[in-house]
Amino acid sequence: MDDKFILDGCDRILRDLLADDSIALTMDTRRADVPNWDSFAYVNFIVLVETEFGVKFRVAEVESFENVGAIVRRIQSMRAMR
């Protein structure tokens, strides 16, 4: 599973969650860059990402993710540990 696969999955999840097909996430995308990606939607996004990729983030991790790339890299590292 490479970064692009994970990024594409995150993109699809957020598009579905926010009902906005114009969203195009990059590794540098921050929540503030996406209209309507508020804290409630972020929590829902994280739960859906955890389910999709079979991972479980710690609360401190969720609070520290600076951009989508940080989420993608953490998923990669967690899956590599298996």
PDB file of N, CA and C in Angstrom:
ATOM      1  N   MET A   1       0.854  -1.173   0.000  1.00  0.00           N
ATOM      2  CA  MET A   1       0.000   0.000   0.000  1.00  0.00           C
ATOM      3  C   MET A   1       0.899   1.235   0.000  1.00  0.00           C
ATOM      4  N   ASP A   2       0.796   2.041  -1.032  1.00  0.00           N
ATOM      5  CA  ASP A   2       1.656   3.215  -1.123  1.00  0.00           C
ATOM      6  C   ASP A   2       0.911   4.487  -0.702  1.00  0.00           C
ATOM      7  N   ASP A   3       1.670   5.586  -0.630  1.00  0.00           N
ATOM      8  CA  ASP A   3       1.091   6.862  -0.198  1.00  0.00           C
ATOM      9  C   ASP A   3      -0.078   7.294  -1.075  1.00  0.00           C
ATOM     10  N   LYS A   4       0.042   7.108  -2.381  1.00  0.00           N
ATOM     11  CA  LYS A   4      -1.024   7.526  -3.292  1.00  0.00           C
ATOM     12  C   LYS A   4      -2.311   6.761  -3.025  1.00  0.00           C
ATOM     13  N   PHE A   5      -2.207   5.472  -2.759  1.00  0.00           N
ATOM     14  CA  PHE A   5      -3.386   4.661  -2.457  1.00  0.00           C
ATOM     15  C   PHE A   5      -4.074   5.174  -1.201  1.00  0.00           C
ATOM     16  N   ILE A   6      -3.295   5.462  -0.177  1.00  0.00           N
ATOM     17  CA  ILE A   6      -3.853   5.968   1.082  1.00  0.00           C
ATOM     18  C   ILE A   6      -4.438   7.360   0.880  1.00  0.00           C
ATOM     19  N   LEU A   7      -3.707   8.219   0.179  1.00  0.00           N
ATOM     20  CA  LEU A   7      -4.196   9.578  -0.089  1.00  0.00           C
ATOM     21  C   LEU A   7      -5.501   9.538  -0.876  1.00  0.00           C
ATOM     22  N   ASP A   8      -5.572   8.675  -1.874  1.00  0.00           N
ATOM     23  CA  ASP A   8      -6.810   8.548  -2.659  1.00  0.00           C
ATOM     24  C   ASP A   8      -7.969   8.085  -1.785  1.00  0.00           C
ATOM     25  N   GLY A   9      -7.692   7.164  -0.862  1.00  0.00           N
ATOM     26  CA  GLY A   9      -8.732   6.704   0.061  1.00  0.00           C
ATOM     27  C   GLY A   9      -9.202   7.817   0.976  1.00  0.00           C
ATOM     28  N   CYS A  10      -8.267   8.597   1.493  1.00  0.00           N
ATOM     29  CA  CYS A  10      -8.622   9.735   2.350  1.00  0.00           C
ATOM     30  C   CYS A  10      -9.441  10.758   1.570  1.00  0.00           C
ATOM     31  N   ASP A  11      -9.053  10.988   0.338  1.00  0.00           N
ATOM     32  CA  ASP A  11      -9.767  11.918  -0.526  1.00  0.00           C
ATOM     33  C   ASP A  11     -11.219  11.465  -0.719  1.00  0.00           C
ATOM     34  N   ARG A  12     -11.389  10.200  -1.052  1.00  0.00           N
ATOM     35  CA  ARG A  12     -12.739   9.643  -1.257  1.00  0.00           C
ATOM     36  C   ARG A  12     -13.571   9.747   0.015  1.00  0.00           C
ATOM     37  N   ILE A  13     -12.966   9.414   1.153  1.00  0.00           N
ATOM     38  CA  ILE A  13     -13.669   9.461   2.435  1.00  0.00           C
ATOM     39  C   ILE A  13     -14.144  10.885   2.720  1.00  0.00           C
ATOM     40  N   LEU A  14     -13.260  11.862   2.548  1.00  0.00           N
ATOM     41  CA  LEU A  14     -13.634  13.245   2.861  1.00  0.00           C
ATOM     42  C   LEU A  14     -14.669  13.779   1.873  1.00  0.00           C
ATOM     43  N   ARG A  15     -14.534  13.430   0.601  1.00  0.00           N
ATOM     44  CA  ARG A  15     -15.540  13.850  -0.382  1.00  0.00           C
ATOM     45  C   ARG A  15     -16.923  13.325   0.002  1.00  0.00           C
ATOM     46  N   ASP A  16     -16.979  12.050   0.374  1.00  0.00           N
ATOM     47  CA  ASP A  16     -18.256  11.456   0.779  1.00  0.00           C
ATOM     48  C   ASP A  16     -18.784  12.105   2.058  1.00  0.00           C
ATOM     49  N   LEU A  17     -17.908  12.298   3.024  1.00  0.00           N
ATOM     50  CA  LEU A  17     -18.306  12.855   4.312  1.00  0.00           C
ATOM     51  C   LEU A  17     -18.857  14.272   4.169  1.00  0.00           C
ATOM     52  N   LEU A  18     -18.196  15.077   3.375  1.00  0.00           N
ATOM     53  CA  LEU A  18     -18.616  16.471   3.215  1.00  0.00           C
ATOM     54  C   LEU A  18     -19.525  16.680   2.009  1.00  0.00           C
ATOM     55  N   ALA A  19     -19.824  15.610   1.295  1.00  0.00           N
ATOM     56  CA  ALA A  19     -20.672  15.673   0.096  1.00  0.00           C
ATOM     57  C   ALA A  19     -20.175  16.756  -0.865  1.00  0.00           C
ATOM     58  N   ASP A  20     -18.861  16.683  -1.149  1.00  0.00           N
ATOM     59  CA  ASP A  20     -18.235  17.687  -2.009  1.00  0.00           C
ATOM     60  C   ASP A  20     -17.229  16.997  -2.935  1.00  0.00           C
ATOM     61  N   ASP A  21     -17.644  16.776  -4.180  1.00  0.00           N
ATOM     62  CA  ASP A  21     -16.785  16.094  -5.145  1.00  0.00           C
ATOM     63  C   ASP A  21     -15.638  16.961  -5.661  1.00  0.00           C
ATOM     64  N   SER A  22     -15.608  18.222  -5.280  1.00  0.00           N
ATOM     65  CA  SER A  22     -14.524  19.089  -5.739  1.00  0.00           C
ATOM     66  C   SER A  22     -13.277  18.990  -4.864  1.00  0.00           C
ATOM     67  N   ILE A  23     -13.354  18.299  -3.748  1.00  0.00           N
ATOM     68  CA  ILE A  23     -12.211  18.170  -2.848  1.00  0.00           C
ATOM     69  C   ILE A  23     -11.118  17.359  -3.544  1.00  0.00           C
ATOM     70  N   ALA A  24      -9.899  17.874  -3.470  1.00  0.00           N
ATOM     71  CA  ALA A  24      -8.732  17.189  -4.029  1.00  0.00           C
ATOM     72  C   ALA A  24      -7.592  17.320  -3.027  1.00  0.00           C
ATOM     73  N   LEU A  25      -7.481  16.345  -2.144  1.00  0.00           N
ATOM     74  CA  LEU A  25      -6.466  16.391  -1.106  1.00  0.00           C
ATOM     75  C   LEU A  25      -5.073  16.170  -1.681  1.00  0.00           C
ATOM     76  N   THR A  26      -4.112  16.834  -1.065  1.00  0.00           N
ATOM     77  CA  THR A  26      -2.704  16.594  -1.338  1.00  0.00           C
ATOM     78  C   THR A  26      -2.049  16.286   0.006  1.00  0.00           C
ATOM     79  N   MET A  27      -0.799  15.911  -0.033  1.00  0.00           N
ATOM     80  CA  MET A  27      -0.088  15.629   1.216  1.00  0.00           C
ATOM     81  C   MET A  27       0.022  16.892   2.082  1.00  0.00           C
ATOM     82  N   ASP A  28      -0.038  18.061   1.460  1.00  0.00           N
ATOM     83  CA  ASP A  28       0.109  19.322   2.190  1.00  0.00           C
ATOM     84  C   ASP A  28      -1.208  19.935   2.650  1.00  0.00           C
ATOM     85  N   THR A  29      -2.337  19.342   2.287  1.00  0.00           N
ATOM     86  CA  THR A  29      -3.641  19.904   2.642  1.00  0.00           C
ATOM     87  C   THR A  29      -3.831  19.916   4.154  1.00  0.00           C
ATOM     88  N   ARG A  30      -4.263  21.070   4.643  1.00  0.00           N
ATOM     89  CA  ARG A  30      -4.620  21.230   6.065  1.00  0.00           C
ATOM     90  C   ARG A  30      -6.137  21.377   6.159  1.00  0.00           C
ATOM     91  N   ARG A  31      -6.671  21.111   7.335  1.00  0.00           N
ATOM     92  CA  ARG A  31      -8.128  21.241   7.499  1.00  0.00           C
ATOM     93  C   ARG A  31      -8.625  22.611   7.089  1.00  0.00           C
ATOM     94  N   ALA A  32      -7.885  23.635   7.410  1.00  0.00           N
ATOM     95  CA  ALA A  32      -8.313  25.007   7.101  1.00  0.00           C
ATOM     96  C   ALA A  32      -8.415  25.250   5.592  1.00  0.00           C
ATOM     97  N   ASP A  33      -7.769  24.399   4.799  1.00  0.00           N
ATOM     98  CA  ASP A  33      -7.799  24.548   3.346  1.00  0.00           C
ATOM     99  C   ASP A  33      -9.094  24.036   2.723  1.00  0.00           C
ATOM    100  N   VAL A  34      -9.878  23.274   3.487  1.00  0.00           N
ATOM    101  CA  VAL A  34     -11.074  22.618   2.946  1.00  0.00           C
ATOM    102  C   VAL A  34     -12.321  23.215   3.599  1.00  0.00           C
ATOM    103  N   PRO A  35     -13.174  23.841   2.812  1.00  0.00           N
ATOM    104  CA  PRO A  35     -14.405  24.410   3.376  1.00  0.00           C
ATOM    105  C   PRO A  35     -15.234  23.331   4.088  1.00  0.00           C
ATOM    106  N   ASN A  36     -15.766  23.691   5.217  1.00  0.00           N
ATOM    107  CA  ASN A  36     -16.649  22.828   6.024  1.00  0.00           C
ATOM    108  C   ASN A  36     -15.940  21.679   6.737  1.00  0.00           C
ATOM    109  N   TRP A  37     -14.608  21.638   6.682  1.00  0.00           N
ATOM    110  CA  TRP A  37     -13.887  20.579   7.404  1.00  0.00           C
ATOM    111  C   TRP A  37     -13.616  21.082   8.820  1.00  0.00           C
ATOM    112  N   ASP A  38     -14.678  21.114   9.601  1.00  0.00           N
ATOM    113  CA  ASP A  38     -14.594  21.595  10.970  1.00  0.00           C
ATOM    114  C   ASP A  38     -14.161  20.464  11.899  1.00  0.00           C
ATOM    115  N   SER A  39     -14.096  20.738  13.197  1.00  0.00           N
ATOM    116  CA  SER A  39     -13.605  19.745  14.147  1.00  0.00           C
ATOM    117  C   SER A  39     -14.514  18.519  14.222  1.00  0.00           C
ATOM    118  N   PHE A  40     -15.810  18.706  14.101  1.00  0.00           N
ATOM    119  CA  PHE A  40     -16.736  17.568  14.125  1.00  0.00           C
ATOM    120  C   PHE A  40     -16.512  16.675  12.907  1.00  0.00           C
ATOM    121  N   ALA A  41     -16.394  17.285  11.740  1.00  0.00           N
ATOM    122  CA  ALA A  41     -16.140  16.514  10.516  1.00  0.00           C
ATOM    123  C   ALA A  41     -14.771  15.839  10.580  1.00  0.00           C
ATOM    124  N   TYR A  42     -13.800  16.486  11.232  1.00  0.00           N
ATOM    125  CA  TYR A  42     -12.461  15.902  11.372  1.00  0.00           C
ATOM    126  C   TYR A  42     -12.524  14.614  12.190  1.00  0.00           C
ATOM    127  N   VAL A  43     -13.241  14.638  13.295  1.00  0.00           N
ATOM    128  CA  VAL A  43     -13.371  13.439  14.129  1.00  0.00           C
ATOM    129  C   VAL A  43     -14.042  12.318  13.334  1.00  0.00           C
ATOM    130  N   ASN A  44     -15.094  12.645  12.617  1.00  0.00           N
ATOM    131  CA  ASN A  44     -15.768  11.642  11.787  1.00  0.00           C
ATOM    132  C   ASN A  44     -14.831  11.107  10.703  1.00  0.00           C
ATOM    133  N   PHE A  45     -14.058  11.992  10.098  1.00  0.00           N
ATOM    134  CA  PHE A  45     -13.080  11.601   9.085  1.00  0.00           C
ATOM    135  C   PHE A  45     -12.070  10.615   9.669  1.00  0.00           C
ATOM    136  N   ILE A  46     -11.541  10.925  10.846  1.00  0.00           N
ATOM    137  CA  ILE A  46     -10.547  10.055  11.482  1.00  0.00           C
ATOM    138  C   ILE A  46     -11.137   8.670  11.742  1.00  0.00           C
ATOM    139  N   VAL A  47     -12.346   8.611  12.258  1.00  0.00           N
ATOM    140  CA  VAL A  47     -13.002   7.320  12.525  1.00  0.00           C
ATOM    141  C   VAL A  47     -13.158   6.524  11.235  1.00  0.00           C
ATOM    142  N   LEU A  48     -13.581   7.183  10.175  1.00  0.00           N
ATOM    143  CA  LEU A  48     -13.752   6.496   8.894  1.00  0.00           C
ATOM    144  C   LEU A  48     -12.416   6.033   8.318  1.00  0.00           C
ATOM    145  N   VAL A  49     -11.371   6.836   8.477  1.00  0.00           N
ATOM    146  CA  VAL A  49     -10.032   6.456   8.010  1.00  0.00           C
ATOM    147  C   VAL A  49      -9.531   5.244   8.798  1.00  0.00           C
ATOM    148  N   GLU A  50      -9.726   5.265  10.103  1.00  0.00           N
ATOM    149  CA  GLU A  50      -9.308   4.122  10.924  1.00  0.00           C
ATOM    150  C   GLU A  50      -9.994   2.838  10.459  1.00  0.00           C
ATOM    151  N   THR A  51     -11.272   2.930  10.193  1.00  0.00           N
ATOM    152  CA  THR A  51     -12.037   1.764   9.731  1.00  0.00           C
ATOM    153  C   THR A  51     -11.557   1.305   8.359  1.00  0.00           C
ATOM    154  N   GLU A  52     -11.390   2.244   7.454  1.00  0.00           N
ATOM    155  CA  GLU A  52     -10.979   1.930   6.077  1.00  0.00           C
ATOM    156  C   GLU A  52      -9.620   1.239   6.017  1.00  0.00           C
ATOM    157  N   PHE A  53      -8.674   1.723   6.816  1.00  0.00           N
ATOM    158  CA  PHE A  53      -7.304   1.223   6.718  1.00  0.00           C
ATOM    159  C   PHE A  53      -6.913   0.272   7.851  1.00  0.00           C
ATOM    160  N   GLY A  54      -7.842  -0.031   8.735  1.00  0.00           N
ATOM    161  CA  GLY A  54      -7.579  -0.990   9.796  1.00  0.00           C
ATOM    162  C   GLY A  54      -6.522  -0.530  10.784  1.00  0.00           C
ATOM    163  N   VAL A  55      -6.561   0.747  11.130  1.00  0.00           N
ATOM    164  CA  VAL A  55      -5.609   1.301  12.092  1.00  0.00           C
ATOM    165  C   VAL A  55      -6.384   1.965  13.228  1.00  0.00           C
ATOM    166  N   LYS A  56      -5.681   2.287  14.296  1.00  0.00           N
ATOM    167  CA  LYS A  56      -6.283   2.993  15.425  1.00  0.00           C
ATOM    168  C   LYS A  56      -5.280   4.019  15.916  1.00  0.00           C
ATOM    169  N   PHE A  57      -5.616   5.295  15.769  1.00  0.00           N
ATOM    170  CA  PHE A  57      -4.741   6.373  16.213  1.00  0.00           C
ATOM    171  C   PHE A  57      -4.941   6.652  17.698  1.00  0.00           C
ATOM    172  N   ARG A  58      -3.898   7.103  18.358  1.00  0.00           N
ATOM    173  CA  ARG A  58      -4.015   7.591  19.730  1.00  0.00           C
ATOM    174  C   ARG A  58      -4.561   9.026  19.663  1.00  0.00           C
ATOM    175  N   VAL A  59      -5.210   9.446  20.719  1.00  0.00           N
ATOM    176  CA  VAL A  59      -5.802  10.793  20.753  1.00  0.00           C
ATOM    177  C   VAL A  59      -4.732  11.854  20.500  1.00  0.00           C
ATOM    178  N   ALA A  60      -3.572  11.699  21.104  1.00  0.00           N
ATOM    179  CA  ALA A  60      -2.497  12.679  20.917  1.00  0.00           C
ATOM    180  C   ALA A  60      -2.075  12.767  19.454  1.00  0.00           C
ATOM    181  N   GLU A  61      -2.093  11.636  18.745  1.00  0.00           N
ATOM    182  CA  GLU A  61      -1.756  11.646  17.326  1.00  0.00           C
ATOM    183  C   GLU A  61      -2.787  12.442  16.538  1.00  0.00           C
ATOM    184  N   VAL A  62      -4.048  12.164  16.801  1.00  0.00           N
ATOM    185  CA  VAL A  62      -5.132  12.835  16.084  1.00  0.00           C
ATOM    186  C   VAL A  62      -5.025  14.346  16.263  1.00  0.00           C
ATOM    187  N   GLU A  63      -4.685  14.766  17.459  1.00  0.00           N
ATOM    188  CA  GLU A  63      -4.566  16.191  17.750  1.00  0.00           C
ATOM    189  C   GLU A  63      -3.318  16.811  17.131  1.00  0.00           C
ATOM    190  N   SER A  64      -2.315  15.981  16.813  1.00  0.00           N
ATOM    191  CA  SER A  64      -1.048  16.523  16.320  1.00  0.00           C
ATOM    192  C   SER A  64      -0.895  16.512  14.802  1.00  0.00           C
ATOM    193  N   PHE A  65      -1.769  15.843  14.094  1.00  0.00           N
ATOM    194  CA  PHE A  65      -1.641  15.788  12.639  1.00  0.00           C
ATOM    195  C   PHE A  65      -1.745  17.196  12.057  1.00  0.00           C
ATOM    196  N   GLU A  66      -0.669  17.661  11.396  1.00  0.00           N
ATOM    197  CA  GLU A  66      -0.642  19.009  10.845  1.00  0.00           C
ATOM    198  C   GLU A  66      -1.281  19.105   9.468  1.00  0.00           C
ATOM    199  N   ASN A  67      -1.250  17.984   8.741  1.00  0.00           N
ATOM    200  CA  ASN A  67      -1.800  17.982   7.389  1.00  0.00           C
ATOM    201  C   ASN A  67      -2.149  16.543   7.004  1.00  0.00           C
ATOM    202  N   VAL A  68      -2.702  16.375   5.837  1.00  0.00           N
ATOM    203  CA  VAL A  68      -3.107  15.046   5.376  1.00  0.00           C
ATOM    204  C   VAL A  68      -1.892  14.134   5.235  1.00  0.00           C
ATOM    205  N   GLY A  69      -0.780  14.690   4.815  1.00  0.00           N
ATOM    206  CA  GLY A  69       0.441  13.900   4.672  1.00  0.00           C
ATOM    207  C   GLY A  69       0.856  13.230   5.969  1.00  0.00           C
ATOM    208  N   ALA A  70       0.673  13.902   7.092  1.00  0.00           N
ATOM    209  CA  ALA A  70       1.015  13.316   8.388  1.00  0.00           C
ATOM    210  C   ALA A  70       0.128  12.111   8.682  1.00  0.00           C
ATOM    211  N   ILE A  71      -1.126  12.188   8.292  1.00  0.00           N
ATOM    212  CA  ILE A  71      -2.050  11.062   8.480  1.00  0.00           C
ATOM    213  C   ILE A  71      -1.629   9.898   7.588  1.00  0.00           C
ATOM    214  N   VAL A  72      -1.346  10.206   6.327  1.00  0.00           N
ATOM    215  CA  VAL A  72      -0.937   9.170   5.371  1.00  0.00           C
ATOM    216  C   VAL A  72       0.335   8.474   5.845  1.00  0.00           C
ATOM    217  N   ARG A  73       1.334   9.250   6.261  1.00  0.00           N
ATOM    218  CA  ARG A  73       2.603   8.661   6.725  1.00  0.00           C
ATOM    219  C   ARG A  73       2.406   7.809   7.967  1.00  0.00           C
ATOM    220  N   ARG A  74       1.515   8.236   8.857  1.00  0.00           N
ATOM    221  CA  ARG A  74       1.271   7.440  10.073  1.00  0.00           C
ATOM    222  C   ARG A  74       0.586   6.123   9.720  1.00  0.00           C
ATOM    223  N   ILE A  75      -0.351   6.150   8.803  1.00  0.00           N
ATOM    224  CA  ILE A  75      -0.998   4.910   8.365  1.00  0.00           C
ATOM    225  C   ILE A  75       0.057   3.983   7.768  1.00  0.00           C
ATOM    226  N   GLN A  76       0.921   4.531   6.922  1.00  0.00           N
ATOM    227  CA  GLN A  76       1.990   3.725   6.311  1.00  0.00           C
ATOM    228  C   GLN A  76       2.846   3.070   7.384  1.00  0.00           C
ATOM    229  N   SER A  77       3.271   3.833   8.373  1.00  0.00           N
ATOM    230  CA  SER A  77       4.139   3.279   9.406  1.00  0.00           C
ATOM    231  C   SER A  77       3.434   2.225  10.253  1.00  0.00           C
ATOM    232  N   MET A  78       2.161   2.433  10.539  1.00  0.00           N
ATOM    233  CA  MET A  78       1.403   1.468  11.336  1.00  0.00           C
ATOM    234  C   MET A  78       1.214   0.151  10.568  1.00  0.00           C
ATOM    235  N   ARG A  79       0.953   0.254   9.282  1.00  0.00           N
ATOM    236  CA  ARG A  79       0.757  -0.935   8.473  1.00  0.00           C
ATOM    237  C   ARG A  79       2.061  -1.671   8.248  1.00  0.00           C
ATOM    238  N   ALA A  80       3.190  -0.948   8.214  1.00  0.00           N
ATOM    239  CA  ALA A  80       4.497  -1.574   8.031  1.00  0.00           C
ATOM    240  C   ALA A  80       4.910  -2.379   9.259  1.00  0.00           C
ATOM    241  N   MET A  81       4.362  -2.028  10.414  1.00  0.00           N
ATOM    242  CA  MET A  81       4.708  -2.726  11.669  1.00  0.00           C
ATOM    243  C   MET A  81       4.054  -4.093  11.753  1.00  0.00           C
ATOM    244  N   ARG A  82       3.085  -4.351  10.914  1.00  0.00           N
ATOM    245  CA  ARG A  82       2.354  -5.621  10.981  1.00  0.00           C
ATOM    246  C   ARG A  82       3.151  -6.764  10.438  1.00  0.00           C
TER     247      ARG A  82
END
